[in-house]
Amino acid sequence: CAAADDGAERVETALALLSERYREGRSGIVLEHVAGGWA
């Protein structure tokens, strides 16, 4: 949120879009929630 200068709700919506785009079986890389953050 701080880096993107945007609100938590919108950032979480963006993360949901990215999670769908980068899910197992669809992409060579996967977005995951790990160690208290996203990577």
Full PDB file with SEQRES, HELIX, SHEET, SSBOND, CRYST1, ORIGX, SCALE, CONECT and MASTER records, all heavy atoms in Angstrom:
SEQRES   1 A   39  CYS ALA ALA ALA ASP ASP GLY ALA GLU ARG VAL GLU THR          
SEQRES   2 A   39  ALA LEU ALA LEU LEU SER GLU ARG TYR ARG GLU GLY ARG          
SEQRES   3 A   39  SER GLY ILE VAL LEU GLU HIS VAL ALA GLY GLY TRP ALA          
HELIX    1 AA1 ALA A    8  ARG A   21  1                                  14    
SHEET    1 AA1 2 HIS A  33  VAL A  34  0                                        
SHEET    2 AA1 2 GLY A  37  TRP A  38 -1                                        
CRYST1    1.000    1.000    1.000  90.00  90.00  90.00 P 1           1          
ORIGX1      1.000000  0.000000  0.000000        0.00000                         
ORIGX2      0.000000  1.000000  0.000000        0.00000                         
ORIGX3      0.000000  0.000000  1.000000        0.00000                         
SCALE1      1.000000  0.000000  0.000000        0.00000                         
SCALE2      0.000000  1.000000  0.000000        0.00000                         
SCALE3      0.000000  0.000000  1.000000        0.00000                         
ATOM      1  N   CYS A   1       0.834  -1.209   0.000  1.00  0.00           N  
ATOM      2  CA  CYS A   1       0.000   0.000   0.000  1.00  0.00           C  
ATOM      3  C   CYS A   1       0.867   1.257   0.000  1.00  0.00           C  
ATOM      4  O   CYS A   1       0.620   2.199  -0.762  1.00  0.00           O  
ATOM      5  CB  CYS A   1      -0.917   0.025   1.225  1.00  0.00           C  
ATOM      6  SG  CYS A   1      -2.228  -1.194   1.175  1.00  0.00           S  
ATOM      7  N   ALA A   2       1.886   1.255   0.860  1.00  0.00           N  
ATOM      8  CA  ALA A   2       2.760   2.432   0.957  1.00  0.00           C  
ATOM      9  C   ALA A   2       3.508   2.667  -0.352  1.00  0.00           C  
ATOM     10  O   ALA A   2       3.585   3.802  -0.839  1.00  0.00           O  
ATOM     11  CB  ALA A   2       3.743   2.249   2.120  1.00  0.00           C  
ATOM     12  N   ALA A   3       4.059   1.589  -0.926  1.00  0.00           N  
ATOM     13  CA  ALA A   3       4.829   1.749  -2.163  1.00  0.00           C  
ATOM     14  C   ALA A   3       3.941   2.119  -3.346  1.00  0.00           C  
ATOM     15  O   ALA A   3       4.326   2.938  -4.182  1.00  0.00           O  
ATOM     16  CB  ALA A   3       5.595   0.458  -2.461  1.00  0.00           C  
ATOM     17  N   ALA A   4       2.746   1.531  -3.407  1.00  0.00           N  
ATOM     18  CA  ALA A   4       1.834   1.803  -4.520  1.00  0.00           C  
ATOM     19  C   ALA A   4       1.018   3.066  -4.286  1.00  0.00           C  
ATOM     20  O   ALA A   4       0.317   3.526  -5.187  1.00  0.00           O  
ATOM     21  CB  ALA A   4       0.889   0.615  -4.726  1.00  0.00           C  
ATOM     22  N   ASP A   5       1.094   3.603  -3.070  1.00  0.00           N  
ATOM     23  CA  ASP A   5       0.328   4.794  -2.691  1.00  0.00           C  
ATOM     24  C   ASP A   5      -1.167   4.570  -2.950  1.00  0.00           C  
ATOM     25  O   ASP A   5      -1.829   5.352  -3.633  1.00  0.00           O  
ATOM     26  CB  ASP A   5       0.841   6.026  -3.445  1.00  0.00           C  
ATOM     27  CG  ASP A   5       0.309   7.324  -2.837  1.00  0.00           C  
ATOM     28  OD1 ASP A   5      -0.030   7.325  -1.632  1.00  0.00           O  
ATOM     29  OD2 ASP A   5       0.221   8.335  -3.567  1.00  0.00           O  
ATOM     30  N   ASP A   6      -1.673   3.452  -2.399  1.00  0.00           N  
ATOM     31  CA  ASP A   6      -3.072   3.099  -2.597  1.00  0.00           C  
ATOM     32  C   ASP A   6      -3.595   2.405  -1.347  1.00  0.00           C  
ATOM     33  O   ASP A   6      -2.827   2.045  -0.458  1.00  0.00           O  
ATOM     34  CB  ASP A   6      -3.219   2.184  -3.817  1.00  0.00           C  
ATOM     35  CG  ASP A   6      -4.526   2.453  -4.572  1.00  0.00           C  
ATOM     36  OD1 ASP A   6      -5.570   2.596  -3.910  1.00  0.00           O  
ATOM     37  OD2 ASP A   6      -4.479   2.510  -5.813  1.00  0.00           O  
ATOM     38  N   GLY A   7      -4.904   2.199  -1.279  1.00  0.00           N  
ATOM     39  CA  GLY A   7      -5.549   1.630  -0.104  1.00  0.00           C  
ATOM     40  C   GLY A   7      -5.482   0.111  -0.046  1.00  0.00           C  
ATOM     41  O   GLY A   7      -5.325  -0.568  -1.066  1.00  0.00           O  
ATOM     42  N   ALA A   8      -5.642  -0.413   1.170  1.00  0.00           N  
ATOM     43  CA  ALA A   8      -5.529  -1.851   1.407  1.00  0.00           C  
ATOM     44  C   ALA A   8      -6.563  -2.651   0.618  1.00  0.00           C  
ATOM     45  O   ALA A   8      -6.241  -3.703   0.050  1.00  0.00           O  
ATOM     46  CB  ALA A   8      -5.656  -2.146   2.897  1.00  0.00           C  
ATOM     47  N   GLU A   9      -7.799  -2.154   0.553  1.00  0.00           N  
ATOM     48  CA  GLU A   9      -8.850  -2.903  -0.139  1.00  0.00           C  
ATOM     49  C   GLU A   9      -8.525  -3.056  -1.615  1.00  0.00           C  
ATOM     50  O   GLU A   9      -8.665  -4.139  -2.195  1.00  0.00           O  
ATOM     51  CB  GLU A   9     -10.202  -2.205   0.051  1.00  0.00           C  
ATOM     52  CG  GLU A   9     -11.367  -3.014  -0.480  1.00  0.00           C  
ATOM     53  CD  GLU A   9     -12.707  -2.353  -0.182  1.00  0.00           C  
ATOM     54  OE1 GLU A   9     -12.843  -1.665   0.852  1.00  0.00           O  
ATOM     55  OE2 GLU A   9     -13.622  -2.535  -1.001  1.00  0.00           O  
ATOM     56  N   ARG A  10      -8.054  -1.971  -2.234  1.00  0.00           N  
ATOM     57  CA  ARG A  10      -7.707  -2.036  -3.665  1.00  0.00           C  
ATOM     58  C   ARG A  10      -6.461  -2.892  -3.905  1.00  0.00           C  
ATOM     59  O   ARG A  10      -6.400  -3.646  -4.883  1.00  0.00           O  
ATOM     60  CB  ARG A  10      -7.518  -0.625  -4.224  1.00  0.00           C  
ATOM     61  CG  ARG A  10      -8.849   0.084  -4.462  1.00  0.00           C  
ATOM     62  CD  ARG A  10      -8.701   1.540  -4.866  1.00  0.00           C  
ATOM     63  NE  ARG A  10      -7.602   1.864  -5.746  1.00  0.00           N  
ATOM     64  CZ  ARG A  10      -7.632   1.792  -7.086  1.00  0.00           C  
ATOM     65  NH1 ARG A  10      -8.740   1.396  -7.697  1.00  0.00           N  
ATOM     66  NH2 ARG A  10      -6.575   2.117  -7.802  1.00  0.00           N  
ATOM     67  N   VAL A  11      -5.487  -2.806  -3.004  1.00  0.00           N  
ATOM     68  CA  VAL A  11      -4.283  -3.639  -3.150  1.00  0.00           C  
ATOM     69  C   VAL A  11      -4.648  -5.114  -3.008  1.00  0.00           C  
ATOM     70  O   VAL A  11      -4.160  -5.961  -3.759  1.00  0.00           O  
ATOM     71  CB  VAL A  11      -3.200  -3.222  -2.129  1.00  0.00           C  
ATOM     72  CG1 VAL A  11      -2.090  -4.271  -2.021  1.00  0.00           C  
ATOM     73  CG2 VAL A  11      -2.604  -1.864  -2.506  1.00  0.00           C  
ATOM     74  N   GLU A  12      -5.539  -5.443  -2.065  1.00  0.00           N  
ATOM     75  CA  GLU A  12      -5.969  -6.832  -1.912  1.00  0.00           C  
ATOM     76  C   GLU A  12      -6.737  -7.319  -3.145  1.00  0.00           C  
ATOM     77  O   GLU A  12      -6.606  -8.483  -3.537  1.00  0.00           O  
ATOM     78  CB  GLU A  12      -6.787  -6.989  -0.635  1.00  0.00           C  
ATOM     79  CG  GLU A  12      -5.906  -6.923   0.609  1.00  0.00           C  
ATOM     80  CD  GLU A  12      -6.676  -6.825   1.909  1.00  0.00           C  
ATOM     81  OE1 GLU A  12      -7.921  -6.772   1.870  1.00  0.00           O  
ATOM     82  OE2 GLU A  12      -6.025  -6.798   2.962  1.00  0.00           O  
ATOM     83  N   THR A  13      -7.507  -6.437  -3.766  1.00  0.00           N  
ATOM     84  CA  THR A  13      -8.192  -6.799  -5.016  1.00  0.00           C  
ATOM     85  C   THR A  13      -7.169  -7.067  -6.112  1.00  0.00           C  
ATOM     86  O   THR A  13      -7.288  -8.029  -6.874  1.00  0.00           O  
ATOM     87  CB  THR A  13      -9.161  -5.672  -5.448  1.00  0.00           C  
ATOM     88  OG1 THR A  13     -10.124  -5.465  -4.409  1.00  0.00           O  
ATOM     89  CG2 THR A  13      -9.871  -6.007  -6.741  1.00  0.00           C  
ATOM     90  N   ALA A  14      -6.135  -6.221  -6.174  1.00  0.00           N  
ATOM     91  CA  ALA A  14      -5.065  -6.413  -7.157  1.00  0.00           C  
ATOM     92  C   ALA A  14      -4.338  -7.733  -6.906  1.00  0.00           C  
ATOM     93  O   ALA A  14      -4.023  -8.470  -7.848  1.00  0.00           O  
ATOM     94  CB  ALA A  14      -4.085  -5.237  -7.108  1.00  0.00           C  
ATOM     95  N   LEU A  15      -4.097  -8.057  -5.636  1.00  0.00           N  
ATOM     96  CA  LEU A  15      -3.440  -9.323  -5.300  1.00  0.00           C  
ATOM     97  C   LEU A  15      -4.301 -10.523  -5.709  1.00  0.00           C  
ATOM     98  O   LEU A  15      -3.786 -11.538  -6.170  1.00  0.00           O  
ATOM     99  CB  LEU A  15      -3.132  -9.384  -3.802  1.00  0.00           C  
ATOM    100  CG  LEU A  15      -1.953  -8.528  -3.337  1.00  0.00           C  
ATOM    101  CD1 LEU A  15      -1.964  -8.386  -1.824  1.00  0.00           C  
ATOM    102  CD2 LEU A  15      -0.628  -9.108  -3.819  1.00  0.00           C  
ATOM    103  N   ALA A  16      -5.606 -10.393  -5.552  1.00  0.00           N  
ATOM    104  CA  ALA A  16      -6.517 -11.465  -5.964  1.00  0.00           C  
ATOM    105  C   ALA A  16      -6.434 -11.681  -7.478  1.00  0.00           C  
ATOM    106  O   ALA A  16      -6.423 -12.828  -7.955  1.00  0.00           O  
ATOM    107  CB  ALA A  16      -7.944 -11.146  -5.536  1.00  0.00           C  
ATOM    108  N   LEU A  17      -6.363 -10.585  -8.246  1.00  0.00           N  
ATOM    109  CA  LEU A  17      -6.219 -10.702  -9.706  1.00  0.00           C  
ATOM    110  C   LEU A  17      -4.908 -11.400 -10.063  1.00  0.00           C  
ATOM    111  O   LEU A  17      -4.868 -12.285 -10.923  1.00  0.00           O  
ATOM    112  CB  LEU A  17      -6.242  -9.317 -10.360  1.00  0.00           C  
ATOM    113  CG  LEU A  17      -7.586  -8.598 -10.435  1.00  0.00           C  
ATOM    114  CD1 LEU A  17      -7.396  -7.179 -10.957  1.00  0.00           C  
ATOM    115  CD2 LEU A  17      -8.547  -9.358 -11.329  1.00  0.00           C  
ATOM    116  N   LEU A  18      -3.832 -10.994  -9.371  1.00  0.00           N  
ATOM    117  CA  LEU A  18      -2.523 -11.591  -9.642  1.00  0.00           C  
ATOM    118  C   LEU A  18      -2.480 -13.057  -9.213  1.00  0.00           C  
ATOM    119  O   LEU A  18      -1.854 -13.877  -9.885  1.00  0.00           O  
ATOM    120  CB  LEU A  18      -1.415 -10.794  -8.931  1.00  0.00           C  
ATOM    121  CG  LEU A  18      -1.169  -9.389  -9.473  1.00  0.00           C  
ATOM    122  CD1 LEU A  18      -0.195  -8.643  -8.573  1.00  0.00           C  
ATOM    123  CD2 LEU A  18      -0.645  -9.438 -10.902  1.00  0.00           C  
ATOM    124  N   SER A  19      -3.148 -13.382  -8.108  1.00  0.00           N  
ATOM    125  CA  SER A  19      -3.182 -14.773  -7.645  1.00  0.00           C  
ATOM    126  C   SER A  19      -3.830 -15.671  -8.683  1.00  0.00           C  
ATOM    127  O   SER A  19      -3.404 -16.813  -8.897  1.00  0.00           O  
ATOM    128  CB  SER A  19      -3.950 -14.883  -6.319  1.00  0.00           C  
ATOM    129  OG  SER A  19      -3.245 -14.252  -5.294  1.00  0.00           O  
ATOM    130  N   GLU A  20      -4.858 -15.164  -9.332  1.00  0.00           N  
ATOM    131  CA  GLU A  20      -5.531 -15.938 -10.378  1.00  0.00           C  
ATOM    132  C   GLU A  20      -4.625 -16.072 -11.604  1.00  0.00           C  
ATOM    133  O   GLU A  20      -4.510 -17.142 -12.195  1.00  0.00           O  
ATOM    134  CB  GLU A  20      -6.853 -15.257 -10.763  1.00  0.00           C  
ATOM    135  CG  GLU A  20      -7.598 -15.931 -11.896  1.00  0.00           C  
ATOM    136  CD  GLU A  20      -7.969 -17.387 -11.612  1.00  0.00           C  
ATOM    137  OE1 GLU A  20      -8.079 -17.781 -10.435  1.00  0.00           O  
ATOM    138  OE2 GLU A  20      -8.140 -18.136 -12.598  1.00  0.00           O  
ATOM    139  N   ARG A  21      -3.972 -14.977 -11.963  1.00  0.00           N  
ATOM    140  CA  ARG A  21      -3.088 -14.990 -13.131  1.00  0.00           C  
ATOM    141  C   ARG A  21      -1.894 -15.911 -12.909  1.00  0.00           C  
ATOM    142  O   ARG A  21      -1.450 -16.601 -13.813  1.00  0.00           O  
ATOM    143  CB  ARG A  21      -2.600 -13.562 -13.418  1.00  0.00           C  
ATOM    144  CG  ARG A  21      -1.763 -13.430 -14.677  1.00  0.00           C  
ATOM    145  CD  ARG A  21      -1.306 -12.005 -14.912  1.00  0.00           C  
ATOM    146  NE  ARG A  21      -2.410 -11.078 -14.916  1.00  0.00           N  
ATOM    147  CZ  ARG A  21      -2.307  -9.766 -14.673  1.00  0.00           C  
ATOM    148  NH1 ARG A  21      -1.126  -9.234 -14.418  1.00  0.00           N  
ATOM    149  NH2 ARG A  21      -3.359  -8.989 -14.689  1.00  0.00           N  
ATOM    150  N   TYR A  22      -1.340 -15.896 -11.694  1.00  0.00           N  
ATOM    151  CA  TYR A  22      -0.140 -16.666 -11.363  1.00  0.00           C  
ATOM    152  C   TYR A  22      -0.478 -17.816 -10.425  1.00  0.00           C  
ATOM    153  O   TYR A  22       0.096 -17.948  -9.365  1.00  0.00           O  
ATOM    154  CB  TYR A  22       0.913 -15.755 -10.719  1.00  0.00           C  
ATOM    155  CG  TYR A  22       1.448 -14.702 -11.658  1.00  0.00           C  
ATOM    156  CD1 TYR A  22       1.091 -13.372 -11.504  1.00  0.00           C  
ATOM    157  CD2 TYR A  22       2.315 -15.041 -12.689  1.00  0.00           C  
ATOM    158  CE1 TYR A  22       1.575 -12.400 -12.364  1.00  0.00           C  
ATOM    159  CE2 TYR A  22       2.802 -14.077 -13.555  1.00  0.00           C  
ATOM    160  CZ  TYR A  22       2.429 -12.754 -13.386  1.00  0.00           C  
ATOM    161  OH  TYR A  22       2.916 -11.812 -14.231  1.00  0.00           O  
ATOM    162  N   ARG A  23      -1.397 -18.666 -10.823  1.00  0.00           N  
ATOM    163  CA  ARG A  23      -1.729 -19.807  -9.979  1.00  0.00           C  
ATOM    164  C   ARG A  23      -1.046 -21.060 -10.518  1.00  0.00           C  
ATOM    165  O   ARG A  23      -0.664 -21.123 -11.688  1.00  0.00           O  
ATOM    166  CB  ARG A  23      -3.238 -20.005  -9.868  1.00  0.00           C  
ATOM    167  CG  ARG A  23      -3.903 -20.525 -11.111  1.00  0.00           C  
ATOM    168  CD  ARG A  23      -5.375 -20.850 -10.838  1.00  0.00           C  
ATOM    169  NE  ARG A  23      -5.933 -21.586 -11.947  1.00  0.00           N  
ATOM    170  CZ  ARG A  23      -6.628 -21.046 -12.919  1.00  0.00           C  
ATOM    171  NH1 ARG A  23      -6.885 -19.762 -12.914  1.00  0.00           N  
ATOM    172  NH2 ARG A  23      -7.092 -21.804 -13.898  1.00  0.00           N  
ATOM    173  N   GLU A  24      -0.895 -22.038  -9.641  1.00  0.00           N  
ATOM    174  CA  GLU A  24      -0.244 -23.303 -10.005  1.00  0.00           C  
ATOM    175  C   GLU A  24      -0.959 -23.922 -11.194  1.00  0.00           C  
ATOM    176  O   GLU A  24      -2.183 -23.970 -11.241  1.00  0.00           O  
ATOM    177  CB  GLU A  24      -0.309 -24.243  -8.796  1.00  0.00           C  
ATOM    178  CG  GLU A  24       0.659 -25.397  -8.857  1.00  0.00           C  
ATOM    179  CD  GLU A  24       2.101 -24.996  -8.619  1.00  0.00           C  
ATOM    180  OE1 GLU A  24       2.414 -24.385  -7.578  1.00  0.00           O  
ATOM    181  OE2 GLU A  24       2.923 -25.314  -9.495  1.00  0.00           O  
ATOM    182  N   GLY A  25      -0.192 -24.367 -12.186  1.00  0.00           N  
ATOM    183  CA  GLY A  25      -0.765 -25.003 -13.369  1.00  0.00           C  
ATOM    184  C   GLY A  25      -1.093 -24.041 -14.491  1.00  0.00           C  
ATOM    185  O   GLY A  25      -1.373 -24.453 -15.601  1.00  0.00           O  
ATOM    186  N   ARG A  26      -1.037 -22.749 -14.196  1.00  0.00           N  
ATOM    187  CA  ARG A  26      -1.369 -21.765 -15.225  1.00  0.00           C  
ATOM    188  C   ARG A  26      -0.149 -20.965 -15.651  1.00  0.00           C  
ATOM    189  O   ARG A  26      -0.109 -20.430 -16.753  1.00  0.00           O  
ATOM    190  CB  ARG A  26      -2.450 -20.829 -14.686  1.00  0.00           C  
ATOM    191  CG  ARG A  26      -2.935 -19.836 -15.701  1.00  0.00           C  
ATOM    192  CD  ARG A  26      -4.119 -19.071 -15.210  1.00  0.00           C  
ATOM    193  NE  ARG A  26      -4.594 -18.198 -16.270  1.00  0.00           N  
ATOM    194  CZ  ARG A  26      -5.626 -17.413 -16.177  1.00  0.00           C  
ATOM    195  NH1 ARG A  26      -6.335 -17.398 -15.059  1.00  0.00           N  
ATOM    196  NH2 ARG A  26      -6.003 -16.655 -17.173  1.00  0.00           N  
ATOM    197  N   SER A  27       0.836 -20.868 -14.744  1.00  0.00           N  
ATOM    198  CA  SER A  27       2.010 -20.039 -15.002  1.00  0.00           C  
ATOM    199  C   SER A  27       3.257 -20.735 -14.465  1.00  0.00           C  
ATOM    200  O   SER A  27       3.171 -21.609 -13.601  1.00  0.00           O  
ATOM    201  CB  SER A  27       1.820 -18.685 -14.304  1.00  0.00           C  
ATOM    202  OG  SER A  27       3.003 -17.919 -14.355  1.00  0.00           O  
ATOM    203  N   GLY A  28       4.405 -20.331 -14.973  1.00  0.00           N  
ATOM    204  CA  GLY A  28       5.675 -20.864 -14.478  1.00  0.00           C  
ATOM    205  C   GLY A  28       6.061 -20.307 -13.128  1.00  0.00           C  
ATOM    206  O   GLY A  28       6.936 -20.846 -12.450  1.00  0.00           O  
ATOM    207  N   ILE A  29       5.432 -19.192 -12.758  1.00  0.00           N  
ATOM    208  CA  ILE A  29       5.643 -18.648 -11.420  1.00  0.00           C  
ATOM    209  C   ILE A  29       4.299 -18.565 -10.718  1.00  0.00           C  
ATOM    210  O   ILE A  29       3.251 -18.484 -11.354  1.00  0.00           O  
ATOM    211  CB  ILE A  29       6.344 -17.261 -11.427  1.00  0.00           C  
ATOM    212  CG1 ILE A  29       5.561 -16.253 -12.267  1.00  0.00           C  
ATOM    213  CG2 ILE A  29       7.780 -17.373 -11.887  1.00  0.00           C  
ATOM    214  CD1 ILE A  29       6.133 -14.855 -12.219  1.00  0.00           C  
ATOM    215  N   VAL A  30       4.347 -18.636  -9.402  1.00  0.00           N  
ATOM    216  CA  VAL A  30       3.143 -18.683  -8.586  1.00  0.00           C  
ATOM    217  C   VAL A  30       3.231 -17.583  -7.531  1.00  0.00           C  
ATOM    218  O   VAL A  30       4.281 -17.373  -6.931  1.00  0.00           O  
ATOM    219  CB  VAL A  30       3.014 -20.066  -7.898  1.00  0.00           C  
ATOM    220  CG1 VAL A  30       1.820 -20.111  -6.968  1.00  0.00           C  
ATOM    221  CG2 VAL A  30       2.927 -21.168  -8.942  1.00  0.00           C  
ATOM    222  N   LEU A  31       2.118 -16.891  -7.315  1.00  0.00           N  
ATOM    223  CA  LEU A  31       2.041 -15.890  -6.253  1.00  0.00           C  
ATOM    224  C   LEU A  31       1.530 -16.584  -5.011  1.00  0.00           C  
ATOM    225  O   LEU A  31       0.523 -17.282  -5.051  1.00  0.00           O  
ATOM    226  CB  LEU A  31       1.102 -14.749  -6.656  1.00  0.00           C  
ATOM    227  CG  LEU A  31       0.934 -13.636  -5.616  1.00  0.00           C  
ATOM    228  CD1 LEU A  31       2.259 -12.925  -5.343  1.00  0.00           C  
ATOM    229  CD2 LEU A  31      -0.115 -12.627  -6.082  1.00  0.00           C  
ATOM    230  N   GLU A  32       2.248 -16.410  -3.893  1.00  0.00           N  
ATOM    231  CA  GLU A  32       1.821 -17.049  -2.652  1.00  0.00           C  
ATOM    232  C   GLU A  32       1.932 -16.108  -1.474  1.00  0.00           C  
ATOM    233  O   GLU A  32       2.737 -15.185  -1.477  1.00  0.00           O  
ATOM    234  CB  GLU A  32       2.621 -18.326  -2.381  1.00  0.00           C  
ATOM    235  CG  GLU A  32       4.086 -18.079  -2.082  1.00  0.00           C  
ATOM    236  CD  GLU A  32       4.841 -19.360  -1.771  1.00  0.00           C  
ATOM    237  OE1 GLU A  32       4.212 -20.418  -1.630  1.00  0.00           O  
ATOM    238  OE2 GLU A  32       6.066 -19.276  -1.656  1.00  0.00           O  
ATOM    239  N   HIS A  33       1.096 -16.356  -0.467  1.00  0.00           N  
ATOM    240  CA  HIS A  33       1.164 -15.619   0.792  1.00  0.00           C  
ATOM    241  C   HIS A  33       2.024 -16.438   1.724  1.00  0.00           C  
ATOM    242  O   HIS A  33       1.674 -17.552   2.096  1.00  0.00           O  
ATOM    243  CB  HIS A  33      -0.239 -15.423   1.377  1.00  0.00           C  
ATOM    244  CG  HIS A  33      -0.264 -14.439   2.492  1.00  0.00           C  
ATOM    245  ND1 HIS A  33      -0.707 -14.760   3.743  1.00  0.00           N  
ATOM    246  CD2 HIS A  33       0.120 -13.140   2.547  1.00  0.00           C  
ATOM    247  CE1 HIS A  33      -0.611 -13.702   4.527  1.00  0.00           C  
ATOM    248  NE2 HIS A  33      -0.112 -12.718   3.817  1.00  0.00           N  
ATOM    249  N   VAL A  34       3.194 -15.909   2.084  1.00  0.00           N  
ATOM    250  CA  VAL A  34       4.158 -16.665   2.874  1.00  0.00           C  
ATOM    251  C   VAL A  34       4.969 -15.707   3.733  1.00  0.00           C  
ATOM    252  O   VAL A  34       5.199 -14.554   3.340  1.00  0.00           O  
ATOM    253  CB  VAL A  34       5.076 -17.497   1.944  1.00  0.00           C  
ATOM    254  CG1 VAL A  34       5.920 -16.609   1.049  1.00  0.00           C  
ATOM    255  CG2 VAL A  34       5.952 -18.445   2.721  1.00  0.00           C  
ATOM    256  N   ALA A  35       5.369 -16.156   4.929  1.00  0.00           N  
ATOM    257  CA  ALA A  35       6.213 -15.369   5.840  1.00  0.00           C  
ATOM    258  C   ALA A  35       5.618 -13.988   6.105  1.00  0.00           C  
ATOM    259  O   ALA A  35       6.333 -12.993   6.187  1.00  0.00           O  
ATOM    260  CB  ALA A  35       7.636 -15.247   5.290  1.00  0.00           C  
ATOM    261  N   GLY A  36       4.289 -13.916   6.210  1.00  0.00           N  
ATOM    262  CA  GLY A  36       3.634 -12.653   6.543  1.00  0.00           C  
ATOM    263  C   GLY A  36       3.504 -11.675   5.395  1.00  0.00           C  
ATOM    264  O   GLY A  36       3.118 -10.523   5.598  1.00  0.00           O  
ATOM    265  N   GLY A  37       3.822 -12.106   4.184  1.00  0.00           N  
ATOM    266  CA  GLY A  37       3.730 -11.205   3.040  1.00  0.00           C  
ATOM    267  C   GLY A  37       3.442 -11.970   1.762  1.00  0.00           C  
ATOM    268  O   GLY A  37       3.130 -13.158   1.788  1.00  0.00           O  
ATOM    269  N   TRP A  38       3.555 -11.267   0.641  1.00  0.00           N  
ATOM    270  CA  TRP A  38       3.281 -11.855  -0.679  1.00  0.00           C  
ATOM    271  C   TRP A  38       4.573 -11.937  -1.471  1.00  0.00           C  
ATOM    272  O   TRP A  38       5.396 -11.022  -1.432  1.00  0.00           O  
ATOM    273  CB  TRP A  38       2.257 -11.011  -1.430  1.00  0.00           C  
ATOM    274  CG  TRP A  38       0.907 -11.093  -0.817  1.00  0.00           C  
ATOM    275  CD1 TRP A  38       0.401 -10.311   0.182  1.00  0.00           C  
ATOM    276  CD2 TRP A  38      -0.114 -12.042  -1.133  1.00  0.00           C  
ATOM    277  NE1 TRP A  38      -0.873 -10.718   0.507  1.00  0.00           N  
ATOM    278  CE2 TRP A  38      -1.221 -11.775  -0.294  1.00  0.00           C  
ATOM    279  CE3 TRP A  38      -0.211 -13.087  -2.047  1.00  0.00           C  
ATOM    280  CZ2 TRP A  38      -2.395 -12.512  -0.339  1.00  0.00           C  
ATOM    281  CZ3 TRP A  38      -1.374 -13.829  -2.099  1.00  0.00           C  
ATOM    282  CH2 TRP A  38      -2.454 -13.536  -1.261  1.00  0.00           C  
ATOM    283  N   ALA A  39       4.765 -13.045  -2.199  1.00  0.00           N  
ATOM    284  CA  ALA A  39       5.986 -13.241  -2.978  1.00  0.00           C  
ATOM    285  C   ALA A  39       5.725 -14.203  -4.123  1.00  0.00           C  
ATOM    286  O   ALA A  39       4.791 -15.010  -4.077  1.00  0.00           O  
ATOM    287  CB  ALA A  39       7.096 -13.790  -2.085  1.00  0.00           C  
TER     288      ALA A  39                                                      
MASTER        0    0    0    1    2    0    0    6  287    1    0    3          
END                                                                             
